[in-house]
Amino acid sequence: MCSPLYDDTSLVVGVAYTYDTSRTARRALTREKPGHSSWTDSFSFFVKCRLDETSPHGGELRLKPGLTNGGTAPHWPEAELAALLGPGHDIVAYTLANDFTAFTVETGSGVGDRDNTYLGKCWPGSCGLGSFVPATELGPVDDLPIALRIERGERRIYAETYRTSSRRREFSEVADLIVRRRKRLGEAAPRSKRVHLDESGRLPAGTVILLGTGLIVPPEAYCRPGDRITVSCPGLGELSHFVTT
């Protein structure tokens, strides 16, 4: 991935609730936690990692160690379209992404200053990112099919597709929404929300935004070591990773 727009320190930022499927799944996990953002907000964001911490096509996604029992929390993949920002929040390129998530940690109850979004979303090996395709080359993204396939050994255990036409907001609005929320949080922003803004008060050129997922896998497809996870889309190719501990 080579571009004068970004370097290895550019941030990858994820957004939540772009698709109703994702919001519904989190509400099911937080029925007794009415303060969770899936109940209180229509939009949320988090700093996933730096660009140099992402895993390329053919690389590994790593399970996060459990916080209490020495094992691992259950994980699911999140197959996503990702956007590369140019100056002034223009989207200059797109790629495929896998926002690997320890979802029971992400939706768990915080203790003290514990930031569950950070703990359940952000660790080395938690983000897969493909090669960028210029927006002018890819063309319209209003109705792209984003497919997710999971293989376990010689068996395909999951294969589904969603379309970007099912999104709840325009992709062009997302960067401004992140900035608006970041400014509102101010100095009280938890670690997962400490996104950088440039001198103009915008996200810097080179920021990568994970645009949310329209698929949540069932329990039998929660990730195990050795699984191969593939995200694909016409015009963007495939992004494939193996799950490791």
C-alpha atoms as a PDB file:
ATOM      1  CA  MET A   1       0.000   0.000   0.000  1.00  0.00           C
ATOM      2  CA  CYS A   2       1.875   3.029  -1.212  1.00  0.00           C
ATOM      3  CA  SER A   3       0.500   6.562  -1.357  1.00  0.00           C
ATOM      4  CA  PRO A   4       1.850  10.036  -0.589  1.00  0.00           C
ATOM      5  CA  LEU A   5      -1.364  10.656   1.372  1.00  0.00           C
ATOM      6  CA  TYR A   6      -0.485   8.528   4.373  1.00  0.00           C
ATOM      7  CA  ASP A   7       2.328   6.922   6.293  1.00  0.00           C
ATOM      8  CA  ASP A   8       2.571   4.142   8.859  1.00  0.00           C
ATOM      9  CA  THR A   9       1.400   6.420  11.674  1.00  0.00           C
ATOM     10  CA  SER A  10      -1.917   7.262   9.975  1.00  0.00           C
ATOM     11  CA  LEU A  11      -4.877   6.186  12.091  1.00  0.00           C
ATOM     12  CA  VAL A  12      -7.500   3.599  11.248  1.00  0.00           C
ATOM     13  CA  VAL A  13     -10.835   4.684  12.740  1.00  0.00           C
ATOM     14  CA  GLY A  14     -13.940   2.484  12.947  1.00  0.00           C
ATOM     15  CA  VAL A  15     -17.560   3.585  13.042  1.00  0.00           C
ATOM     16  CA  ALA A  16     -20.576   1.831  14.515  1.00  0.00           C
ATOM     17  CA  TYR A  17     -24.240   1.435  13.576  1.00  0.00           C
ATOM     18  CA  THR A  18     -23.864   2.166   9.862  1.00  0.00           C
ATOM     19  CA  TYR A  19     -26.068  -0.896   9.347  1.00  0.00           C
ATOM     20  CA  ASP A  20     -29.061  -2.000  11.428  1.00  0.00           C
ATOM     21  CA  THR A  21     -27.697  -5.574  11.605  1.00  0.00           C
ATOM     22  CA  SER A  22     -24.735  -4.485  13.717  1.00  0.00           C
ATOM     23  CA  ARG A  23     -26.814  -2.313  16.036  1.00  0.00           C
ATOM     24  CA  THR A  24     -29.414  -5.071  16.553  1.00  0.00           C
ATOM     25  CA  ALA A  25     -26.730  -7.624  17.453  1.00  0.00           C
ATOM     26  CA  ARG A  26     -25.226  -5.339  20.076  1.00  0.00           C
ATOM     27  CA  ARG A  27     -28.605  -4.549  21.540  1.00  0.00           C
ATOM     28  CA  ALA A  28     -29.184  -8.282  21.969  1.00  0.00           C
ATOM     29  CA  LEU A  29     -25.940  -8.482  23.956  1.00  0.00           C
ATOM     30  CA  THR A  30     -26.761  -5.470  26.139  1.00  0.00           C
ATOM     31  CA  ARG A  31     -30.429  -5.927  27.027  1.00  0.00           C
ATOM     32  CA  GLU A  32     -29.654  -5.290  30.697  1.00  0.00           C
ATOM     33  CA  LYS A  33     -27.320  -2.362  29.933  1.00  0.00           C
ATOM     34  CA  PRO A  34     -29.581   0.438  28.641  1.00  0.00           C
ATOM     35  CA  GLY A  35     -26.667   2.865  28.814  1.00  0.00           C
ATOM     36  CA  HIS A  36     -24.795   1.075  26.016  1.00  0.00           C
ATOM     37  CA  SER A  37     -24.306   3.194  22.907  1.00  0.00           C
ATOM     38  CA  SER A  38     -26.390   0.821  20.782  1.00  0.00           C
ATOM     39  CA  TRP A  39     -29.390   1.997  22.808  1.00  0.00           C
ATOM     40  CA  THR A  40     -28.472   5.643  23.322  1.00  0.00           C
ATOM     41  CA  ASP A  41     -26.722   6.702  20.096  1.00  0.00           C
ATOM     42  CA  SER A  42     -27.301   6.362  16.373  1.00  0.00           C
ATOM     43  CA  PHE A  43     -23.570   6.841  15.685  1.00  0.00           C
ATOM     44  CA  SER A  44     -20.337   5.991  17.447  1.00  0.00           C
ATOM     45  CA  PHE A  45     -16.660   5.708  16.521  1.00  0.00           C
ATOM     46  CA  PHE A  46     -13.398   4.296  17.872  1.00  0.00           C
ATOM     47  CA  VAL A  47      -9.688   4.425  17.094  1.00  0.00           C
ATOM     48  CA  LYS A  48      -8.885   0.923  15.865  1.00  0.00           C
ATOM     49  CA  CYS A  49      -5.106   1.120  15.368  1.00  0.00           C
ATOM     50  CA  ARG A  50      -2.304   2.730  13.394  1.00  0.00           C
ATOM     51  CA  LEU A  51      -1.898   1.775   9.759  1.00  0.00           C
ATOM     52  CA  ASP A  52       1.354  -0.073  10.509  1.00  0.00           C
ATOM     53  CA  GLU A  53      -0.545  -2.307  12.948  1.00  0.00           C
ATOM     54  CA  THR A  54      -2.939  -3.689  10.309  1.00  0.00           C
ATOM     55  CA  SER A  55      -2.579  -7.140   8.789  1.00  0.00           C
ATOM     56  CA  PRO A  56      -2.434  -7.369   4.964  1.00  0.00           C
ATOM     57  CA  HIS A  57      -4.038  -9.937   2.682  1.00  0.00           C
ATOM     58  CA  GLY A  58      -2.659 -13.391   3.515  1.00  0.00           C
ATOM     59  CA  GLY A  59      -1.693 -12.347   7.046  1.00  0.00           C
ATOM     60  CA  GLU A  60      -3.011 -13.242  10.491  1.00  0.00           C
ATOM     61  CA  LEU A  61      -5.734 -12.007  12.795  1.00  0.00           C
ATOM     62  CA  ARG A  62      -5.000 -12.753  16.439  1.00  0.00           C
ATOM     63  CA  LEU A  63      -7.477 -13.763  19.139  1.00  0.00           C
ATOM     64  CA  LYS A  64      -7.368 -11.489  22.165  1.00  0.00           C
ATOM     65  CA  PRO A  65      -6.423 -13.265  25.410  1.00  0.00           C
ATOM     66  CA  GLY A  66      -9.246 -13.502  27.941  1.00  0.00           C
ATOM     67  CA  LEU A  67      -9.298 -10.865  30.645  1.00  0.00           C
ATOM     68  CA  THR A  68     -10.237 -13.083  33.600  1.00  0.00           C
ATOM     69  CA  ASN A  69      -9.968 -16.786  32.901  1.00  0.00           C
ATOM     70  CA  GLY A  70      -6.771 -17.085  30.879  1.00  0.00           C
ATOM     71  CA  GLY A  71      -8.684 -18.288  27.815  1.00  0.00           C
ATOM     72  CA  THR A  72     -10.013 -16.276  24.910  1.00  0.00           C
ATOM     73  CA  ALA A  73     -13.182 -14.246  24.586  1.00  0.00           C
ATOM     74  CA  PRO A  74     -15.475 -15.145  21.670  1.00  0.00           C
ATOM     75  CA  HIS A  75     -14.682 -13.221  18.497  1.00  0.00           C
ATOM     76  CA  TRP A  76     -16.460 -12.443  15.274  1.00  0.00           C
ATOM     77  CA  PRO A  77     -15.152 -10.921  12.049  1.00  0.00           C
ATOM     78  CA  GLU A  78     -16.693  -7.740  10.672  1.00  0.00           C
ATOM     79  CA  ALA A  79     -16.476  -7.533   6.877  1.00  0.00           C
ATOM     80  CA  GLU A  80     -16.321  -3.893   5.870  1.00  0.00           C
ATOM     81  CA  LEU A  81     -15.659  -1.349   3.177  1.00  0.00           C
ATOM     82  CA  ALA A  82     -12.971   1.141   4.246  1.00  0.00           C
ATOM     83  CA  ALA A  83     -12.320   4.640   2.943  1.00  0.00           C
ATOM     84  CA  LEU A  84      -9.052   6.572   2.638  1.00  0.00           C
ATOM     85  CA  LEU A  85      -9.470  10.291   3.290  1.00  0.00           C
ATOM     86  CA  GLY A  86      -7.770  12.992   1.287  1.00  0.00           C
ATOM     87  CA  PRO A  87      -7.642  16.694   2.207  1.00  0.00           C
ATOM     88  CA  GLY A  88     -10.905  18.197   3.392  1.00  0.00           C
ATOM     89  CA  HIS A  89     -12.508  14.801   4.129  1.00  0.00           C
ATOM     90  CA  ASP A  90     -12.727  13.833   0.455  1.00  0.00           C
ATOM     91  CA  ILE A  91     -12.740  10.043  -0.028  1.00  0.00           C
ATOM     92  CA  VAL A  92      -9.938   9.315  -2.482  1.00  0.00           C
ATOM     93  CA  ALA A  93      -9.764   5.501  -2.326  1.00  0.00           C
ATOM     94  CA  TYR A  94     -11.479   2.396  -0.939  1.00  0.00           C
ATOM     95  CA  THR A  95     -10.384  -1.016   0.253  1.00  0.00           C
ATOM     96  CA  LEU A  96     -11.714  -4.038   2.141  1.00  0.00           C
ATOM     97  CA  ALA A  97     -11.306  -4.435   5.878  1.00  0.00           C
ATOM     98  CA  ASN A  98     -11.887  -6.943   8.664  1.00  0.00           C
ATOM     99  CA  ASP A  99     -12.663  -5.320  12.007  1.00  0.00           C
ATOM    100  CA  PHE A 100     -11.888  -8.346  14.208  1.00  0.00           C
ATOM    101  CA  THR A 101     -13.816  -7.965  17.478  1.00  0.00           C
ATOM    102  CA  ALA A 102     -13.888  -9.628  20.898  1.00  0.00           C
ATOM    103  CA  PHE A 103     -17.548  -8.731  21.077  1.00  0.00           C
ATOM    104  CA  THR A 104     -18.391  -9.824  24.623  1.00  0.00           C
ATOM    105  CA  VAL A 105     -15.546  -7.627  25.874  1.00  0.00           C
ATOM    106  CA  GLU A 106     -16.654  -4.710  23.703  1.00  0.00           C
ATOM    107  CA  THR A 107     -20.223  -4.877  25.014  1.00  0.00           C
ATOM    108  CA  GLY A 108     -19.289  -5.738  28.621  1.00  0.00           C
ATOM    109  CA  SER A 109     -19.821  -3.605  31.681  1.00  0.00           C
ATOM    110  CA  GLY A 110     -17.068  -1.098  32.348  1.00  0.00           C
ATOM    111  CA  VAL A 111     -15.406  -0.957  35.753  1.00  0.00           C
ATOM    112  CA  GLY A 112     -13.897   2.338  36.898  1.00  0.00           C
ATOM    113  CA  ASP A 113     -12.178   3.962  33.938  1.00  0.00           C
ATOM    114  CA  ARG A 114     -12.180   0.729  31.918  1.00  0.00           C
ATOM    115  CA  ASP A 115     -12.886   1.466  28.232  1.00  0.00           C
ATOM    116  CA  ASN A 116     -14.621  -1.633  26.887  1.00  0.00           C
ATOM    117  CA  THR A 117     -14.610  -0.450  23.293  1.00  0.00           C
ATOM    118  CA  TYR A 118     -10.839  -0.136  23.424  1.00  0.00           C
ATOM    119  CA  LEU A 119     -10.417  -3.494  25.162  1.00  0.00           C
ATOM    120  CA  GLY A 120     -12.739  -5.342  22.775  1.00  0.00           C
ATOM    121  CA  LYS A 121     -11.693  -3.678  19.526  1.00  0.00           C
ATOM    122  CA  CYS A 122      -8.046  -2.647  19.736  1.00  0.00           C
ATOM    123  CA  TRP A 123      -5.027  -4.951  20.059  1.00  0.00           C
ATOM    124  CA  PRO A 124      -2.185  -6.075  17.782  1.00  0.00           C
ATOM    125  CA  GLY A 125      -3.614  -8.311  15.078  1.00  0.00           C
ATOM    126  CA  SER A 126      -7.206  -7.058  15.352  1.00  0.00           C
ATOM    127  CA  CYS A 127      -7.500  -5.324  11.975  1.00  0.00           C
ATOM    128  CA  GLY A 128      -7.126  -6.651   8.449  1.00  0.00           C
ATOM    129  CA  LEU A 129      -6.787  -4.143   5.616  1.00  0.00           C
ATOM    130  CA  GLY A 130      -6.442  -4.629   1.862  1.00  0.00           C
ATOM    131  CA  SER A 131      -4.851  -2.583  -0.902  1.00  0.00           C
ATOM    132  CA  PHE A 132      -6.482   0.689  -1.855  1.00  0.00           C
ATOM    133  CA  VAL A 133      -8.290   1.239  -5.154  1.00  0.00           C
ATOM    134  CA  PRO A 134      -8.776   4.871  -6.248  1.00  0.00           C
ATOM    135  CA  ALA A 135     -12.382   6.014  -5.900  1.00  0.00           C
ATOM    136  CA  THR A 136     -12.381   7.155  -9.515  1.00  0.00           C
ATOM    137  CA  GLU A 137     -11.353   3.668 -10.617  1.00  0.00           C
ATOM    138  CA  LEU A 138     -13.806   1.779  -8.405  1.00  0.00           C
ATOM    139  CA  GLY A 139     -16.800   3.905  -9.359  1.00  0.00           C
ATOM    140  CA  PRO A 140     -20.066   4.208  -7.393  1.00  0.00           C
ATOM    141  CA  VAL A 141     -20.167   2.499  -3.988  1.00  0.00           C
ATOM    142  CA  ASP A 142     -23.897   2.949  -3.348  1.00  0.00           C
ATOM    143  CA  ASP A 143     -24.781  -0.717  -3.932  1.00  0.00           C
ATOM    144  CA  LEU A 144     -21.633  -2.808  -3.616  1.00  0.00           C
ATOM    145  CA  PRO A 145     -21.920  -6.457  -2.497  1.00  0.00           C
ATOM    146  CA  ILE A 146     -19.597  -7.202   0.450  1.00  0.00           C
ATOM    147  CA  ALA A 147     -19.177 -10.946   0.962  1.00  0.00           C
ATOM    148  CA  LEU A 148     -17.832 -12.820   3.986  1.00  0.00           C
ATOM    149  CA  ARG A 149     -16.650 -16.428   3.850  1.00  0.00           C
ATOM    150  CA  ILE A 150     -15.272 -18.516   6.724  1.00  0.00           C
ATOM    151  CA  GLU A 151     -13.531 -21.847   6.190  1.00  0.00           C
ATOM    152  CA  ARG A 152     -12.653 -24.289   8.949  1.00  0.00           C
ATOM    153  CA  GLY A 153     -10.338 -27.007   7.757  1.00  0.00           C
ATOM    154  CA  GLU A 154     -11.777 -28.316   4.490  1.00  0.00           C
ATOM    155  CA  ARG A 155     -15.290 -27.092   5.296  1.00  0.00           C
ATOM    156  CA  ARG A 156     -16.950 -23.798   4.505  1.00  0.00           C
ATOM    157  CA  ILE A 157     -18.939 -22.930   7.625  1.00  0.00           C
ATOM    158  CA  TYR A 158     -20.248 -19.503   6.628  1.00  0.00           C
ATOM    159  CA  ALA A 159     -20.861 -17.576   3.405  1.00  0.00           C
ATOM    160  CA  GLU A 160     -23.114 -14.528   3.231  1.00  0.00           C
ATOM    161  CA  THR A 161     -23.274 -11.160   1.475  1.00  0.00           C
ATOM    162  CA  TYR A 162     -24.703  -7.754   2.314  1.00  0.00           C
ATOM    163  CA  ARG A 163     -24.991  -4.693   0.099  1.00  0.00           C
ATOM    164  CA  THR A 164     -23.861  -1.176   0.890  1.00  0.00           C
ATOM    165  CA  SER A 165     -27.294   0.056  -0.215  1.00  0.00           C
ATOM    166  CA  SER A 166     -28.616  -1.128   3.183  1.00  0.00           C
ATOM    167  CA  ARG A 167     -26.544   1.469   5.064  1.00  0.00           C
ATOM    168  CA  ARG A 168     -28.254   4.022   7.307  1.00  0.00           C
ATOM    169  CA  ARG A 169     -26.104   7.034   6.310  1.00  0.00           C
ATOM    170  CA  GLU A 170     -24.012   8.272   3.415  1.00  0.00           C
ATOM    171  CA  PHE A 171     -20.326   7.354   3.567  1.00  0.00           C
ATOM    172  CA  SER A 172     -19.441  10.951   2.701  1.00  0.00           C
ATOM    173  CA  GLU A 173     -20.985  12.085   6.023  1.00  0.00           C
ATOM    174  CA  VAL A 174     -18.998   9.812   8.298  1.00  0.00           C
ATOM    175  CA  ALA A 175     -15.798  11.872   8.686  1.00  0.00           C
ATOM    176  CA  ASP A 176     -17.768  14.962   9.704  1.00  0.00           C
ATOM    177  CA  LEU A 177     -19.767  12.898  12.211  1.00  0.00           C
ATOM    178  CA  ILE A 178     -16.543  11.613  13.796  1.00  0.00           C
ATOM    179  CA  VAL A 179     -15.193  15.144  14.177  1.00  0.00           C
ATOM    180  CA  ARG A 180     -18.458  16.427  15.646  1.00  0.00           C
ATOM    181  CA  ARG A 181     -18.521  13.646  18.248  1.00  0.00           C
ATOM    182  CA  ARG A 182     -14.810  14.032  19.051  1.00  0.00           C
ATOM    183  CA  LYS A 183     -15.174  17.753  19.707  1.00  0.00           C
ATOM    184  CA  ARG A 184     -18.176  17.153  21.916  1.00  0.00           C
ATOM    185  CA  LEU A 185     -16.203  14.666  24.041  1.00  0.00           C
ATOM    186  CA  GLY A 186     -13.300  17.085  24.493  1.00  0.00           C
ATOM    187  CA  GLU A 187     -10.762  16.268  27.190  1.00  0.00           C
ATOM    188  CA  ALA A 188     -13.098  13.619  28.635  1.00  0.00           C
ATOM    189  CA  ALA A 189     -12.670  11.381  25.588  1.00  0.00           C
ATOM    190  CA  PRO A 190     -11.769   7.778  26.545  1.00  0.00           C
ATOM    191  CA  ARG A 191      -8.789   6.131  24.902  1.00  0.00           C
ATOM    192  CA  SER A 192     -10.921   4.587  22.148  1.00  0.00           C
ATOM    193  CA  LYS A 193     -12.136   8.061  21.079  1.00  0.00           C
ATOM    194  CA  ARG A 194      -8.859  10.005  21.027  1.00  0.00           C
ATOM    195  CA  VAL A 195      -8.728  10.560  17.294  1.00  0.00           C
ATOM    196  CA  HIS A 196      -6.337  13.194  15.943  1.00  0.00           C
ATOM    197  CA  LEU A 197      -7.603  16.365  14.252  1.00  0.00           C
ATOM    198  CA  ASP A 198      -5.485  18.576  12.006  1.00  0.00           C
ATOM    199  CA  GLU A 199      -5.019  22.347  12.213  1.00  0.00           C
ATOM    200  CA  SER A 200      -8.293  22.909  10.373  1.00  0.00           C
ATOM    201  CA  GLY A 201     -10.192  20.761  12.879  1.00  0.00           C
ATOM    202  CA  ARG A 202     -10.650  17.872  10.434  1.00  0.00           C
ATOM    203  CA  LEU A 203      -9.380  14.307  10.315  1.00  0.00           C
ATOM    204  CA  PRO A 204      -5.937  14.409   8.674  1.00  0.00           C
ATOM    205  CA  ALA A 205      -5.488  13.300   5.086  1.00  0.00           C
ATOM    206  CA  GLY A 206      -4.405   9.668   5.196  1.00  0.00           C
ATOM    207  CA  THR A 207      -6.911   8.650   7.882  1.00  0.00           C
ATOM    208  CA  VAL A 208      -8.603   5.337   7.071  1.00  0.00           C
ATOM    209  CA  ILE A 209     -12.226   4.873   8.127  1.00  0.00           C
ATOM    210  CA  LEU A 210     -13.793   1.430   8.584  1.00  0.00           C
ATOM    211  CA  LEU A 211     -17.348   2.046   7.392  1.00  0.00           C
ATOM    212  CA  GLY A 212     -19.229  -0.607   9.394  1.00  0.00           C
ATOM    213  CA  THR A 213     -20.602  -4.058   8.670  1.00  0.00           C
ATOM    214  CA  GLY A 214     -23.935  -5.414   7.519  1.00  0.00           C
ATOM    215  CA  LEU A 215     -23.218  -9.002   8.639  1.00  0.00           C
ATOM    216  CA  ILE A 216     -23.024 -10.563  12.106  1.00  0.00           C
ATOM    217  CA  VAL A 217     -22.089 -14.245  12.120  1.00  0.00           C
ATOM    218  CA  PRO A 218     -23.983 -16.907  14.154  1.00  0.00           C
ATOM    219  CA  PRO A 219     -22.359 -18.692  17.137  1.00  0.00           C
ATOM    220  CA  GLU A 220     -21.182 -21.654  15.066  1.00  0.00           C
ATOM    221  CA  ALA A 221     -19.056 -19.248  13.020  1.00  0.00           C
ATOM    222  CA  TYR A 222     -17.387 -17.473  15.946  1.00  0.00           C
ATOM    223  CA  CYS A 223     -13.676 -17.555  15.231  1.00  0.00           C
ATOM    224  CA  ARG A 224     -11.300 -20.362  16.130  1.00  0.00           C
ATOM    225  CA  PRO A 225      -7.550 -20.761  15.565  1.00  0.00           C
ATOM    226  CA  GLY A 226      -6.938 -22.016  12.045  1.00  0.00           C
ATOM    227  CA  ASP A 227     -10.062 -20.477  10.527  1.00  0.00           C
ATOM    228  CA  ARG A 228      -9.602 -18.739   7.215  1.00  0.00           C
ATOM    229  CA  ILE A 229     -11.699 -15.559   6.879  1.00  0.00           C
ATOM    230  CA  THR A 230     -12.191 -13.941   3.480  1.00  0.00           C
ATOM    231  CA  VAL A 231     -13.873 -10.631   2.668  1.00  0.00           C
ATOM    232  CA  SER A 232     -14.531  -9.953  -1.023  1.00  0.00           C
ATOM    233  CA  CYS A 233     -16.124  -7.424  -3.347  1.00  0.00           C
ATOM    234  CA  PRO A 234     -16.080  -6.917  -7.136  1.00  0.00           C
ATOM    235  CA  GLY A 235     -13.568  -4.235  -8.010  1.00  0.00           C
ATOM    236  CA  LEU A 236     -11.751  -4.634  -4.684  1.00  0.00           C
ATOM    237  CA  GLY A 237     -10.833  -8.317  -4.862  1.00  0.00           C
ATOM    238  CA  GLU A 238     -10.342 -10.455  -1.763  1.00  0.00           C
ATOM    239  CA  LEU A 239      -8.932  -9.901   1.709  1.00  0.00           C
ATOM    240  CA  SER A 240      -8.074 -13.170   3.414  1.00  0.00           C
ATOM    241  CA  HIS A 241      -6.597 -13.939   6.865  1.00  0.00           C
ATOM    242  CA  PHE A 242      -5.919 -16.918   9.093  1.00  0.00           C
ATOM    243  CA  VAL A 243      -6.947 -16.785  12.754  1.00  0.00           C
ATOM    244  CA  THR A 244      -4.190 -17.420  15.296  1.00  0.00           C
ATOM    245  CA  THR A 245      -3.724 -17.138  19.059  1.00  0.00           C
END
